[in-house]
Amino acid sequence: MPKLPPKLVFSLDCRLCPRLSGFLDEVKAEHPDYHARPVAPFGVDDPGLLIVGLAPGMHGANATGRPFTGDHAGILLYQTLYEFGFSSAPESLSQDDGLTLLDCRITNAVKCLPPQNKPTGEEVRTCNGFLLAELEALREGACVLALGGVAHNAVVRAYGLKMKDYPFGHNNLHKLPRGLQLIDSYHCSRYNTQTKRLTPAMFRAVFRRARKRVDAANA
């Protein structure tokens, strides 16, 4: 049996990673109106689609308290979620903007803002217990969408699976335990979208695949 991380229950008061906790204290002192705490997952409790990102952005989720809200990375994501029926609106502005997700939930591999947006391997492993709990709470046959290699690896690691058997690649599809399906996408970061490594058409292709999988599982 693969060794799995201990399942953890999300807490806004989590301080398991000293470097991240100290950095958030510094950010809060500099930006007292920012959320500057672990960022909770957003969406329905029993989603057909779980989206896994990397970590909160400094002036995005770290500021607003909602994943992919307030920075460039969320623009394409929420537009595409809306287009494929996973969001009630095409733009996420703040926690009180009335936007709701439909059969969808968004989380991050690392729940706290890391310096330079680069968590250490140990920080990803420490946070893996939260992700495992979220994955195991999914209904059988649900779809997991990993945005970027770090998120992909975090999902694979959470299940104790071998990385070599689950290569990351844009629009790759992998089978996970309990009938779950993992779809990969390049991250919708400013760098990736501005350099055209990820185009809207490429992102829509991923979501088209995810929509079909979710609908089939719900049928």
N, C-alpha and C. Protein backbone atom coordinates (compact mmCIF):
# COMPACT_ATOMS: atom_id res chain seq x y z
N MET A 1 0.85 -1.20 0.00
CA MET A 1 0.00 0.00 0.00
C MET A 1 0.88 1.25 0.00
N PRO A 2 0.55 2.24 -0.85
CA PRO A 2 1.34 3.48 -0.85
C PRO A 2 1.15 4.22 0.46
N LYS A 3 2.19 4.94 0.88
CA LYS A 3 2.10 5.74 2.09
C LYS A 3 1.43 7.06 1.76
N LEU A 4 0.33 7.35 2.44
CA LEU A 4 -0.42 8.58 2.18
C LEU A 4 -0.14 9.60 3.27
N PRO A 5 -0.23 10.90 2.94
CA PRO A 5 -0.05 11.93 3.98
C PRO A 5 -1.22 11.89 4.94
N PRO A 6 -1.03 12.34 6.17
CA PRO A 6 -2.15 12.40 7.11
C PRO A 6 -3.18 13.41 6.63
N LYS A 7 -4.45 13.02 6.64
CA LYS A 7 -5.50 13.94 6.22
C LYS A 7 -5.64 15.08 7.23
N LEU A 8 -5.76 16.30 6.72
CA LEU A 8 -5.85 17.48 7.56
C LEU A 8 -7.12 18.25 7.26
N VAL A 9 -7.69 18.89 8.26
CA VAL A 9 -8.87 19.72 8.10
C VAL A 9 -8.43 21.17 7.98
N PHE A 10 -8.86 21.84 6.91
CA PHE A 10 -8.42 23.20 6.66
C PHE A 10 -8.74 24.13 7.83
N SER A 11 -7.80 25.02 8.12
CA SER A 11 -7.99 26.01 9.16
C SER A 11 -7.35 27.33 8.74
N LEU A 12 -8.06 28.42 8.94
CA LEU A 12 -7.51 29.74 8.66
C LEU A 12 -6.35 30.07 9.59
N ASP A 13 -6.23 29.34 10.67
CA ASP A 13 -5.18 29.59 11.66
C ASP A 13 -3.99 28.64 11.51
N CYS A 14 -3.95 27.89 10.42
CA CYS A 14 -2.84 26.94 10.23
C CYS A 14 -1.50 27.67 10.18
N ARG A 15 -0.52 27.14 10.91
CA ARG A 15 0.85 27.68 10.91
C ARG A 15 1.85 26.53 10.89
N LEU A 16 1.54 25.51 10.10
CA LEU A 16 2.40 24.32 10.04
C LEU A 16 3.72 24.59 9.34
N CYS A 17 3.76 25.58 8.47
CA CYS A 17 4.98 25.89 7.72
C CYS A 17 5.58 27.20 8.25
N PRO A 18 6.65 27.15 9.02
CA PRO A 18 7.20 28.36 9.64
C PRO A 18 7.56 29.46 8.64
N ARG A 19 8.16 29.10 7.51
CA ARG A 19 8.56 30.12 6.52
C ARG A 19 7.32 30.84 5.98
N LEU A 20 6.29 30.09 5.64
CA LEU A 20 5.08 30.69 5.08
C LEU A 20 4.35 31.54 6.12
N SER A 21 4.27 31.03 7.35
CA SER A 21 3.59 31.78 8.41
C SER A 21 4.30 33.10 8.68
N GLY A 22 5.63 33.06 8.75
CA GLY A 22 6.40 34.28 8.98
C GLY A 22 6.24 35.27 7.84
N PHE A 23 6.21 34.75 6.61
CA PHE A 23 6.05 35.62 5.45
C PHE A 23 4.67 36.28 5.46
N LEU A 24 3.63 35.53 5.81
CA LEU A 24 2.28 36.10 5.88
C LEU A 24 2.20 37.18 6.96
N ASP A 25 2.91 36.99 8.07
CA ASP A 25 2.94 38.02 9.11
C ASP A 25 3.54 39.31 8.56
N GLU A 26 4.59 39.17 7.77
CA GLU A 26 5.23 40.35 7.17
C GLU A 26 4.29 41.03 6.17
N VAL A 27 3.61 40.24 5.36
CA VAL A 27 2.69 40.79 4.37
C VAL A 27 1.53 41.51 5.05
N LYS A 28 1.01 40.93 6.12
CA LYS A 28 -0.10 41.53 6.85
C LYS A 28 0.31 42.88 7.46
N ALA A 29 1.54 42.94 7.94
CA ALA A 29 2.03 44.20 8.51
C ALA A 29 2.15 45.28 7.43
N GLU A 30 2.54 44.87 6.23
CA GLU A 30 2.71 45.82 5.13
C GLU A 30 1.37 46.16 4.47
N HIS A 31 0.46 45.17 4.44
CA HIS A 31 -0.85 45.36 3.81
C HIS A 31 -1.94 44.93 4.81
N PRO A 32 -2.25 45.76 5.78
CA PRO A 32 -3.19 45.37 6.84
C PRO A 32 -4.60 45.04 6.36
N ASP A 33 -4.96 45.51 5.16
CA ASP A 33 -6.30 45.23 4.63
C ASP A 33 -6.35 43.94 3.82
N TYR A 34 -5.20 43.26 3.65
CA TYR A 34 -5.16 42.00 2.91
C TYR A 34 -5.63 40.85 3.79
N HIS A 35 -6.13 39.81 3.15
CA HIS A 35 -6.51 38.58 3.86
C HIS A 35 -5.29 37.99 4.57
N ALA A 36 -4.20 37.76 3.83
CA ALA A 36 -2.89 37.35 4.38
C ALA A 36 -3.00 36.22 5.40
N ARG A 37 -3.75 35.20 5.06
CA ARG A 37 -3.89 33.99 5.86
C ARG A 37 -4.03 32.82 4.90
N PRO A 38 -4.07 31.59 5.38
CA PRO A 38 -4.39 30.49 4.47
C PRO A 38 -5.70 30.78 3.73
N VAL A 39 -5.75 30.44 2.46
CA VAL A 39 -6.94 30.71 1.64
C VAL A 39 -7.78 29.45 1.54
N ALA A 40 -9.03 29.56 1.95
CA ALA A 40 -9.94 28.41 1.95
C ALA A 40 -10.35 28.04 0.53
N PRO A 41 -10.64 26.77 0.28
CA PRO A 41 -11.24 26.40 -1.00
C PRO A 41 -12.55 27.14 -1.20
N PHE A 42 -12.94 27.30 -2.46
CA PHE A 42 -14.14 28.05 -2.81
C PHE A 42 -15.01 27.20 -3.74
N GLY A 43 -16.30 27.12 -3.42
CA GLY A 43 -17.22 26.40 -4.29
C GLY A 43 -18.12 25.47 -3.51
N VAL A 44 -18.76 24.54 -4.21
CA VAL A 44 -19.70 23.63 -3.59
C VAL A 44 -18.95 22.54 -2.82
N ASP A 45 -19.63 21.93 -1.87
CA ASP A 45 -18.99 20.92 -1.02
C ASP A 45 -18.84 19.57 -1.71
N ASP A 46 -19.69 19.29 -2.70
CA ASP A 46 -19.67 17.98 -3.37
C ASP A 46 -19.57 18.20 -4.88
N PRO A 47 -18.40 18.67 -5.35
CA PRO A 47 -18.29 19.07 -6.76
C PRO A 47 -18.05 17.90 -7.71
N GLY A 48 -18.54 18.08 -8.93
CA GLY A 48 -18.17 17.15 -9.99
C GLY A 48 -16.80 17.49 -10.55
N LEU A 49 -16.38 18.76 -10.37
CA LEU A 49 -15.08 19.22 -10.84
C LEU A 49 -14.33 19.92 -9.72
N LEU A 50 -13.14 19.42 -9.39
CA LEU A 50 -12.26 20.07 -8.42
C LEU A 50 -11.06 20.63 -9.18
N ILE A 51 -10.87 21.94 -9.11
CA ILE A 51 -9.74 22.59 -9.76
C ILE A 51 -8.65 22.83 -8.73
N VAL A 52 -7.44 22.41 -9.04
CA VAL A 52 -6.31 22.55 -8.12
C VAL A 52 -5.28 23.49 -8.73
N GLY A 53 -5.05 24.63 -8.08
CA GLY A 53 -4.04 25.57 -8.52
C GLY A 53 -2.75 25.39 -7.73
N LEU A 54 -1.84 26.32 -7.89
CA LEU A 54 -0.54 26.25 -7.21
C LEU A 54 -0.64 26.80 -5.79
N ALA A 55 -0.85 28.10 -5.66
CA ALA A 55 -0.87 28.77 -4.36
C ALA A 55 -1.50 30.14 -4.55
N PRO A 56 -1.95 30.79 -3.48
CA PRO A 56 -2.51 32.14 -3.61
C PRO A 56 -1.48 33.13 -4.17
N GLY A 57 -1.96 34.07 -4.97
CA GLY A 57 -1.10 35.13 -5.48
C GLY A 57 -1.06 36.30 -4.51
N MET A 58 0.05 37.02 -4.50
CA MET A 58 0.25 38.12 -3.55
C MET A 58 -0.91 39.11 -3.55
N HIS A 59 -1.28 39.62 -4.73
CA HIS A 59 -2.31 40.64 -4.82
C HIS A 59 -3.63 40.07 -5.34
N GLY A 60 -3.71 38.74 -5.36
CA GLY A 60 -4.93 38.06 -5.77
C GLY A 60 -5.59 37.43 -4.57
N ALA A 61 -5.56 36.10 -4.51
CA ALA A 61 -6.23 35.38 -3.42
C ALA A 61 -5.69 35.76 -2.06
N ASN A 62 -4.40 36.05 -1.96
CA ASN A 62 -3.83 36.46 -0.68
C ASN A 62 -4.43 37.77 -0.19
N ALA A 63 -4.86 38.60 -1.13
CA ALA A 63 -5.49 39.88 -0.77
C ALA A 63 -6.99 39.73 -0.53
N THR A 64 -7.66 38.95 -1.40
CA THR A 64 -9.12 38.88 -1.38
C THR A 64 -9.66 37.74 -0.52
N GLY A 65 -8.85 36.68 -0.34
CA GLY A 65 -9.32 35.53 0.41
C GLY A 65 -10.09 34.52 -0.42
N ARG A 66 -10.20 34.73 -1.73
CA ARG A 66 -10.87 33.78 -2.62
C ARG A 66 -9.89 33.33 -3.70
N PRO A 67 -9.79 32.03 -3.97
CA PRO A 67 -8.84 31.55 -4.99
C PRO A 67 -9.04 32.23 -6.34
N PHE A 68 -7.92 32.62 -6.96
CA PHE A 68 -7.90 33.18 -8.31
C PHE A 68 -8.77 34.43 -8.43
N THR A 69 -8.80 35.24 -7.41
CA THR A 69 -9.63 36.45 -7.42
C THR A 69 -8.78 37.67 -7.10
N GLY A 70 -8.75 38.62 -8.03
CA GLY A 70 -8.03 39.86 -7.81
C GLY A 70 -6.75 40.00 -8.58
N ASP A 71 -6.37 38.97 -9.34
CA ASP A 71 -5.15 39.09 -10.15
C ASP A 71 -5.38 38.51 -11.53
N HIS A 72 -4.37 38.60 -12.37
CA HIS A 72 -4.50 38.22 -13.78
C HIS A 72 -4.85 36.75 -13.96
N ALA A 73 -4.34 35.89 -13.11
CA ALA A 73 -4.53 34.45 -13.28
C ALA A 73 -6.00 34.05 -13.28
N GLY A 74 -6.84 34.83 -12.59
CA GLY A 74 -8.25 34.47 -12.50
C GLY A 74 -9.09 34.91 -13.68
N ILE A 75 -8.56 35.80 -14.52
CA ILE A 75 -9.37 36.36 -15.61
C ILE A 75 -9.82 35.26 -16.56
N LEU A 76 -8.87 34.53 -17.13
CA LEU A 76 -9.21 33.47 -18.07
C LEU A 76 -9.94 32.33 -17.37
N LEU A 77 -9.56 32.02 -16.13
CA LEU A 77 -10.19 30.91 -15.42
C LEU A 77 -11.68 31.14 -15.25
N TYR A 78 -12.07 32.29 -14.68
CA TYR A 78 -13.49 32.51 -14.41
C TYR A 78 -14.30 32.72 -15.69
N GLN A 79 -13.70 33.32 -16.72
CA GLN A 79 -14.38 33.45 -18.01
C GLN A 79 -14.71 32.07 -18.56
N THR A 80 -13.74 31.16 -18.45
CA THR A 80 -13.94 29.82 -19.00
C THR A 80 -14.89 28.99 -18.14
N LEU A 81 -14.80 29.14 -16.83
CA LEU A 81 -15.76 28.47 -15.95
C LEU A 81 -17.18 28.88 -16.30
N TYR A 82 -17.39 30.16 -16.53
CA TYR A 82 -18.72 30.67 -16.89
C TYR A 82 -19.17 30.12 -18.23
N GLU A 83 -18.28 30.10 -19.19
CA GLU A 83 -18.61 29.62 -20.53
C GLU A 83 -19.08 28.16 -20.51
N PHE A 84 -18.49 27.37 -19.61
CA PHE A 84 -18.83 25.95 -19.57
C PHE A 84 -19.80 25.59 -18.44
N GLY A 85 -20.44 26.60 -17.88
CA GLY A 85 -21.51 26.34 -16.93
C GLY A 85 -21.08 25.99 -15.52
N PHE A 86 -19.85 26.33 -15.16
CA PHE A 86 -19.36 26.04 -13.82
C PHE A 86 -19.38 27.26 -12.90
N SER A 87 -19.74 28.42 -13.42
CA SER A 87 -19.76 29.65 -12.62
C SER A 87 -20.98 30.49 -12.99
N SER A 88 -21.50 31.23 -12.00
CA SER A 88 -22.67 32.06 -12.24
C SER A 88 -22.33 33.39 -12.91
N ALA A 89 -21.05 33.72 -12.98
CA ALA A 89 -20.61 34.99 -13.57
C ALA A 89 -19.23 34.81 -14.19
N PRO A 90 -18.88 35.64 -15.18
CA PRO A 90 -17.60 35.48 -15.86
C PRO A 90 -16.42 36.19 -15.21
N GLU A 91 -16.68 36.89 -14.11
CA GLU A 91 -15.60 37.65 -13.47
C GLU A 91 -15.74 37.55 -11.95
N SER A 92 -14.64 37.21 -11.28
CA SER A 92 -14.61 37.13 -9.83
C SER A 92 -13.89 38.36 -9.29
N LEU A 93 -14.61 39.17 -8.51
CA LEU A 93 -14.06 40.44 -8.05
C LEU A 93 -13.70 40.44 -6.57
N SER A 94 -14.55 39.82 -5.74
CA SER A 94 -14.34 39.83 -4.30
C SER A 94 -15.20 38.74 -3.68
N GLN A 95 -15.01 38.50 -2.39
CA GLN A 95 -15.78 37.47 -1.72
C GLN A 95 -17.26 37.81 -1.62
N ASP A 96 -17.61 39.08 -1.72
CA ASP A 96 -19.01 39.47 -1.57
C ASP A 96 -19.64 39.95 -2.88
N ASP A 97 -19.11 39.46 -4.03
CA ASP A 97 -19.64 39.89 -5.32
C ASP A 97 -20.83 39.07 -5.79
N GLY A 98 -21.23 38.06 -5.02
CA GLY A 98 -22.39 37.25 -5.36
C GLY A 98 -22.10 36.09 -6.30
N LEU A 99 -20.88 35.97 -6.79
CA LEU A 99 -20.54 34.87 -7.70
C LEU A 99 -20.61 33.54 -6.96
N THR A 100 -21.17 32.53 -7.61
CA THR A 100 -21.19 31.17 -7.06
C THR A 100 -20.66 30.20 -8.10
N LEU A 101 -20.06 29.13 -7.65
CA LEU A 101 -19.62 28.07 -8.54
C LEU A 101 -20.70 26.99 -8.59
N LEU A 102 -20.80 26.34 -9.74
CA LEU A 102 -21.84 25.36 -10.01
C LEU A 102 -21.20 24.00 -10.24
N ASP A 103 -21.42 23.06 -9.33
CA ASP A 103 -20.84 21.71 -9.40
C ASP A 103 -19.31 21.78 -9.52
N CYS A 104 -18.72 22.79 -8.89
CA CYS A 104 -17.28 23.04 -9.03
C CYS A 104 -16.72 23.58 -7.72
N ARG A 105 -15.46 23.32 -7.49
CA ARG A 105 -14.74 23.80 -6.32
C ARG A 105 -13.31 24.12 -6.74
N ILE A 106 -12.75 25.19 -6.19
CA ILE A 106 -11.38 25.58 -6.51
C ILE A 106 -10.55 25.55 -5.23
N THR A 107 -9.38 24.94 -5.31
CA THR A 107 -8.47 24.89 -4.17
C THR A 107 -7.05 25.10 -4.70
N ASN A 108 -6.08 25.03 -3.80
CA ASN A 108 -4.67 25.16 -4.17
C ASN A 108 -3.84 24.05 -3.54
N ALA A 109 -2.76 23.68 -4.22
CA ALA A 109 -1.86 22.68 -3.67
C ALA A 109 -1.24 23.18 -2.38
N VAL A 110 -0.96 24.48 -2.31
CA VAL A 110 -0.43 25.14 -1.12
C VAL A 110 -1.39 26.26 -0.76
N LYS A 111 -1.88 26.26 0.47
CA LYS A 111 -2.96 27.17 0.85
C LYS A 111 -2.48 28.56 1.23
N CYS A 112 -1.17 28.76 1.41
CA CYS A 112 -0.63 30.06 1.84
C CYS A 112 0.26 30.65 0.74
N LEU A 113 0.29 31.96 0.69
CA LEU A 113 1.17 32.67 -0.23
C LEU A 113 2.63 32.34 0.07
N PRO A 114 3.39 31.82 -0.91
CA PRO A 114 4.83 31.60 -0.70
C PRO A 114 5.65 32.76 -1.26
N PRO A 115 6.81 33.03 -0.69
CA PRO A 115 7.68 34.06 -1.26
C PRO A 115 8.01 33.76 -2.72
N GLN A 116 7.96 34.78 -3.57
CA GLN A 116 8.22 34.63 -5.00
C GLN A 116 7.30 33.60 -5.67
N ASN A 117 6.19 33.31 -5.02
CA ASN A 117 5.22 32.33 -5.53
C ASN A 117 5.85 30.95 -5.74
N LYS A 118 6.88 30.62 -4.93
CA LYS A 118 7.57 29.35 -5.08
C LYS A 118 7.62 28.62 -3.74
N PRO A 119 6.66 27.71 -3.51
CA PRO A 119 6.72 26.91 -2.27
C PRO A 119 7.86 25.91 -2.36
N THR A 120 8.41 25.54 -1.21
CA THR A 120 9.42 24.49 -1.18
C THR A 120 8.74 23.13 -1.29
N GLY A 121 9.54 22.12 -1.61
CA GLY A 121 8.99 20.78 -1.67
C GLY A 121 8.40 20.35 -0.34
N GLU A 122 9.05 20.73 0.75
CA GLU A 122 8.56 20.37 2.07
C GLU A 122 7.22 21.05 2.36
N GLU A 123 7.05 22.28 1.91
CA GLU A 123 5.79 22.99 2.12
C GLU A 123 4.65 22.34 1.32
N VAL A 124 4.96 21.92 0.10
CA VAL A 124 3.95 21.21 -0.70
C VAL A 124 3.56 19.91 -0.01
N ARG A 125 4.54 19.19 0.50
CA ARG A 125 4.25 17.91 1.19
C ARG A 125 3.45 18.15 2.47
N THR A 126 3.78 19.19 3.22
CA THR A 126 3.05 19.48 4.45
C THR A 126 1.59 19.78 4.15
N CYS A 127 1.34 20.54 3.08
CA CYS A 127 -0.02 20.93 2.72
C CYS A 127 -0.78 19.79 2.03
N ASN A 128 -0.07 18.74 1.68
CA ASN A 128 -0.68 17.64 0.93
C ASN A 128 -1.81 16.96 1.69
N GLY A 129 -1.74 16.99 3.02
CA GLY A 129 -2.79 16.37 3.81
C GLY A 129 -4.14 17.05 3.63
N PHE A 130 -4.13 18.38 3.43
CA PHE A 130 -5.37 19.10 3.15
C PHE A 130 -5.94 18.67 1.80
N LEU A 131 -5.06 18.55 0.81
CA LEU A 131 -5.50 18.18 -0.53
C LEU A 131 -6.04 16.75 -0.54
N LEU A 132 -5.39 15.85 0.18
CA LEU A 132 -5.88 14.47 0.23
C LEU A 132 -7.29 14.42 0.80
N ALA A 133 -7.54 15.18 1.86
CA ALA A 133 -8.88 15.20 2.45
C ALA A 133 -9.91 15.70 1.43
N GLU A 134 -9.53 16.69 0.63
CA GLU A 134 -10.45 17.21 -0.39
C GLU A 134 -10.70 16.19 -1.49
N LEU A 135 -9.65 15.49 -1.90
CA LEU A 135 -9.80 14.47 -2.93
C LEU A 135 -10.67 13.31 -2.45
N GLU A 136 -10.46 12.88 -1.23
CA GLU A 136 -11.22 11.74 -0.72
C GLU A 136 -12.68 12.11 -0.43
N ALA A 137 -12.97 13.40 -0.32
CA ALA A 137 -14.35 13.84 -0.11
C ALA A 137 -15.13 13.90 -1.42
N LEU A 138 -14.43 13.80 -2.56
CA LEU A 138 -15.11 13.85 -3.86
C LEU A 138 -15.95 12.60 -4.07
N ARG A 139 -17.03 12.78 -4.79
CA ARG A 139 -17.85 11.62 -5.13
C ARG A 139 -17.15 10.78 -6.21
N GLU A 140 -17.45 9.52 -6.25
CA GLU A 140 -16.83 8.61 -7.21
C GLU A 140 -17.08 9.09 -8.63
N GLY A 141 -16.05 9.09 -9.44
CA GLY A 141 -16.17 9.50 -10.83
C GLY A 141 -15.98 10.99 -11.07
N ALA A 142 -15.71 11.76 -10.02
CA ALA A 142 -15.51 13.20 -10.19
C ALA A 142 -14.23 13.48 -10.98
N CYS A 143 -14.13 14.70 -11.47
CA CYS A 143 -12.99 15.10 -12.30
C CYS A 143 -12.13 16.10 -11.52
N VAL A 144 -10.82 15.93 -11.60
CA VAL A 144 -9.86 16.83 -10.98
C VAL A 144 -9.06 17.51 -12.08
N LEU A 145 -9.01 18.83 -12.07
CA LEU A 145 -8.27 19.59 -13.07
C LEU A 145 -7.08 20.26 -12.40
N ALA A 146 -5.87 19.86 -12.78
CA ALA A 146 -4.65 20.40 -12.20
C ALA A 146 -4.10 21.50 -13.09
N LEU A 147 -3.94 22.70 -12.51
CA LEU A 147 -3.40 23.83 -13.25
C LEU A 147 -1.89 23.91 -12.98
N GLY A 148 -1.11 23.33 -13.87
CA GLY A 148 0.34 23.39 -13.75
C GLY A 148 0.93 22.14 -13.13
N GLY A 149 2.26 22.01 -13.30
CA GLY A 149 2.96 20.82 -12.84
C GLY A 149 2.98 20.63 -11.34
N VAL A 150 3.08 21.72 -10.58
CA VAL A 150 3.11 21.59 -9.12
C VAL A 150 1.79 21.03 -8.62
N ALA A 151 0.68 21.55 -9.14
CA ALA A 151 -0.63 21.05 -8.74
C ALA A 151 -0.80 19.59 -9.16
N HIS A 152 -0.39 19.27 -10.37
CA HIS A 152 -0.46 17.88 -10.85
C HIS A 152 0.31 16.94 -9.93
N ASN A 153 1.55 17.31 -9.62
CA ASN A 153 2.38 16.46 -8.76
C ASN A 153 1.79 16.33 -7.36
N ALA A 154 1.16 17.40 -6.87
CA ALA A 154 0.56 17.36 -5.54
C ALA A 154 -0.59 16.36 -5.50
N VAL A 155 -1.39 16.32 -6.56
CA VAL A 155 -2.49 15.35 -6.63
C VAL A 155 -1.95 13.93 -6.67
N VAL A 156 -0.95 13.70 -7.50
CA VAL A 156 -0.36 12.36 -7.61
C VAL A 156 0.26 11.94 -6.28
N ARG A 157 0.98 12.87 -5.65
CA ARG A 157 1.63 12.58 -4.38
C ARG A 157 0.60 12.28 -3.29
N ALA A 158 -0.51 12.99 -3.29
CA ALA A 158 -1.53 12.80 -2.25
C ALA A 158 -2.02 11.36 -2.22
N TYR A 159 -2.06 10.73 -3.38
CA TYR A 159 -2.51 9.34 -3.46
C TYR A 159 -1.36 8.35 -3.33
N GLY A 160 -0.14 8.84 -3.14
CA GLY A 160 0.99 7.94 -3.01
C GLY A 160 1.33 7.21 -4.29
N LEU A 161 1.02 7.81 -5.44
CA LEU A 161 1.25 7.18 -6.73
C LEU A 161 2.64 7.54 -7.27
N LYS A 162 3.11 6.79 -8.25
CA LYS A 162 4.43 7.02 -8.82
C LYS A 162 4.37 8.08 -9.90
N MET A 163 5.21 9.10 -9.75
CA MET A 163 5.20 10.21 -10.69
C MET A 163 5.43 9.75 -12.13
N LYS A 164 6.30 8.77 -12.32
CA LYS A 164 6.64 8.33 -13.68
C LYS A 164 5.44 7.73 -14.41
N ASP A 165 4.45 7.29 -13.64
CA ASP A 165 3.25 6.71 -14.25
C ASP A 165 2.20 7.76 -14.57
N TYR A 166 2.45 9.00 -14.15
CA TYR A 166 1.48 10.07 -14.34
C TYR A 166 2.19 11.32 -14.87
N PRO A 167 2.68 11.28 -16.10
CA PRO A 167 3.41 12.44 -16.64
C PRO A 167 2.49 13.63 -16.88
N PHE A 168 2.97 14.80 -16.48
CA PHE A 168 2.21 16.02 -16.70
C PHE A 168 2.30 16.44 -18.16
N GLY A 169 1.18 16.86 -18.72
CA GLY A 169 1.16 17.39 -20.07
C GLY A 169 -0.17 18.06 -20.33
N HIS A 170 -0.17 19.14 -21.06
CA HIS A 170 -1.41 19.88 -21.27
C HIS A 170 -2.47 19.00 -21.91
N ASN A 171 -3.63 18.95 -21.27
CA ASN A 171 -4.79 18.17 -21.69
C ASN A 171 -4.57 16.66 -21.58
N ASN A 172 -3.56 16.25 -20.83
CA ASN A 172 -3.40 14.82 -20.52
C ASN A 172 -4.53 14.38 -19.60
N LEU A 173 -4.93 13.13 -19.73
CA LEU A 173 -5.97 12.55 -18.87
C LEU A 173 -5.39 11.34 -18.15
N HIS A 174 -5.62 11.26 -16.83
CA HIS A 174 -5.11 10.17 -16.01
C HIS A 174 -6.24 9.61 -15.15
N LYS A 175 -6.18 8.32 -14.89
CA LYS A 175 -7.15 7.68 -14.00
C LYS A 175 -6.58 7.64 -12.58
N LEU A 176 -7.42 8.05 -11.63
CA LEU A 176 -7.06 8.06 -10.22
C LEU A 176 -7.90 7.02 -9.48
N PRO A 177 -7.58 6.73 -8.22
CA PRO A 177 -8.41 5.82 -7.42
C PRO A 177 -9.87 6.28 -7.35
N ARG A 178 -10.76 5.34 -7.10
CA ARG A 178 -12.21 5.56 -6.94
C ARG A 178 -12.86 6.13 -8.19
N GLY A 179 -12.28 5.84 -9.33
CA GLY A 179 -12.89 6.30 -10.56
C GLY A 179 -12.70 7.77 -10.85
N LEU A 180 -11.91 8.47 -10.03
CA LEU A 180 -11.63 9.88 -10.30
C LEU A 180 -10.76 10.01 -11.54
N GLN A 181 -10.89 11.14 -12.21
CA GLN A 181 -10.09 11.40 -13.40
C GLN A 181 -9.35 12.72 -13.24
N LEU A 182 -8.08 12.69 -13.61
CA LEU A 182 -7.22 13.87 -13.51
C LEU A 182 -6.92 14.40 -14.90
N ILE A 183 -7.23 15.67 -15.13
CA ILE A 183 -6.90 16.34 -16.38
C ILE A 183 -5.89 17.44 -16.08
N ASP A 184 -4.87 17.54 -16.91
CA ASP A 184 -3.82 18.54 -16.74
C ASP A 184 -4.05 19.74 -17.65
N SER A 185 -3.62 20.90 -17.17
CA SER A 185 -3.58 22.09 -18.01
C SER A 185 -2.38 22.93 -17.62
N TYR A 186 -1.83 23.65 -18.58
CA TYR A 186 -0.87 24.68 -18.20
C TYR A 186 -1.59 25.68 -17.30
N HIS A 187 -0.86 26.27 -16.38
CA HIS A 187 -1.44 27.23 -15.46
C HIS A 187 -1.84 28.49 -16.22
N CYS A 188 -2.96 29.09 -15.79
CA CYS A 188 -3.47 30.29 -16.46
C CYS A 188 -2.82 31.55 -15.90
N SER A 189 -1.53 31.51 -15.72
CA SER A 189 -0.78 32.66 -15.21
C SER A 189 -0.61 33.72 -16.28
N ARG A 190 -0.27 34.92 -15.84
CA ARG A 190 -0.02 36.00 -16.79
C ARG A 190 1.08 35.62 -17.78
N TYR A 191 2.15 35.02 -17.27
CA TYR A 191 3.27 34.64 -18.15
C TYR A 191 2.81 33.67 -19.23
N ASN A 192 2.08 32.64 -18.83
CA ASN A 192 1.66 31.62 -19.80
C ASN A 192 0.68 32.16 -20.82
N THR A 193 -0.24 33.03 -20.39
CA THR A 193 -1.22 33.55 -21.35
C THR A 193 -0.61 34.62 -22.26
N GLN A 194 0.28 35.44 -21.74
CA GLN A 194 0.87 36.50 -22.56
C GLN A 194 1.90 35.94 -23.55
N THR A 195 2.56 34.85 -23.20
CA THR A 195 3.52 34.23 -24.13
C THR A 195 2.84 33.24 -25.07
N LYS A 196 1.54 33.06 -24.91
CA LYS A 196 0.75 32.14 -25.73
C LYS A 196 1.09 30.67 -25.48
N ARG A 197 1.80 30.41 -24.40
CA ARG A 197 1.98 29.00 -24.04
C ARG A 197 0.61 28.38 -23.75
N LEU A 198 -0.27 29.20 -23.18
CA LEU A 198 -1.66 28.80 -22.97
C LEU A 198 -2.56 29.83 -23.63
N THR A 199 -3.31 29.40 -24.63
CA THR A 199 -4.25 30.28 -25.31
C THR A 199 -5.67 29.99 -24.81
N PRO A 200 -6.60 30.93 -24.99
CA PRO A 200 -7.99 30.64 -24.62
C PRO A 200 -8.52 29.38 -25.28
N ALA A 201 -8.15 29.15 -26.54
CA ALA A 201 -8.62 27.94 -27.23
C ALA A 201 -8.08 26.67 -26.57
N MET A 202 -6.83 26.70 -26.16
CA MET A 202 -6.25 25.54 -25.47
C MET A 202 -6.95 25.30 -24.14
N PHE A 203 -7.27 26.38 -23.43
CA PHE A 203 -7.93 26.26 -22.13
C PHE A 203 -9.35 25.73 -22.30
N ARG A 204 -10.03 26.23 -23.34
CA ARG A 204 -11.38 25.75 -23.60
C ARG A 204 -11.39 24.27 -23.95
N ALA A 205 -10.36 23.81 -24.63
CA ALA A 205 -10.28 22.38 -24.98
C ALA A 205 -10.21 21.52 -23.72
N VAL A 206 -9.46 21.99 -22.73
CA VAL A 206 -9.37 21.28 -21.46
C VAL A 206 -10.73 21.26 -20.77
N PHE A 207 -11.38 22.40 -20.72
CA PHE A 207 -12.68 22.48 -20.04
C PHE A 207 -13.77 21.73 -20.80
N ARG A 208 -13.65 21.68 -22.11
CA ARG A 208 -14.62 20.89 -22.89
C ARG A 208 -14.51 19.42 -22.50
N ARG A 209 -13.29 18.98 -22.34
CA ARG A 209 -13.07 17.60 -21.92
C ARG A 209 -13.60 17.36 -20.51
N ALA A 210 -13.31 18.31 -19.61
CA ALA A 210 -13.78 18.18 -18.23
C ALA A 210 -15.30 18.20 -18.16
N ARG A 211 -15.94 19.08 -18.94
CA ARG A 211 -17.40 19.17 -18.94
C ARG A 211 -18.03 17.85 -19.36
N LYS A 212 -17.46 17.23 -20.39
CA LYS A 212 -17.99 15.94 -20.85
C LYS A 212 -17.85 14.87 -19.78
N ARG A 213 -16.71 14.86 -19.09
CA ARG A 213 -16.48 13.87 -18.05
C ARG A 213 -17.44 14.08 -16.88
N VAL A 214 -17.61 15.32 -16.49
CA VAL A 214 -18.52 15.62 -15.37
C VAL A 214 -19.94 15.26 -15.72
N ASP A 215 -20.37 15.62 -16.93
CA ASP A 215 -21.73 15.32 -17.35
C ASP A 215 -21.96 13.81 -17.41
N ALA A 216 -20.96 13.07 -17.89
CA ALA A 216 -21.10 11.61 -17.99
C ALA A 216 -21.21 11.00 -16.59
N ALA A 217 -20.41 11.52 -15.64
CA ALA A 217 -20.45 11.00 -14.28
C ALA A 217 -21.77 11.33 -13.59
N ASN A 218 -22.37 12.46 -13.97
CA ASN A 218 -23.63 12.87 -13.35
C ASN A 218 -24.86 12.24 -13.99
N ALA A 219 -24.67 11.63 -15.17
CA ALA A 219 -25.83 11.07 -15.91
C ALA A 219 -26.45 9.89 -15.15
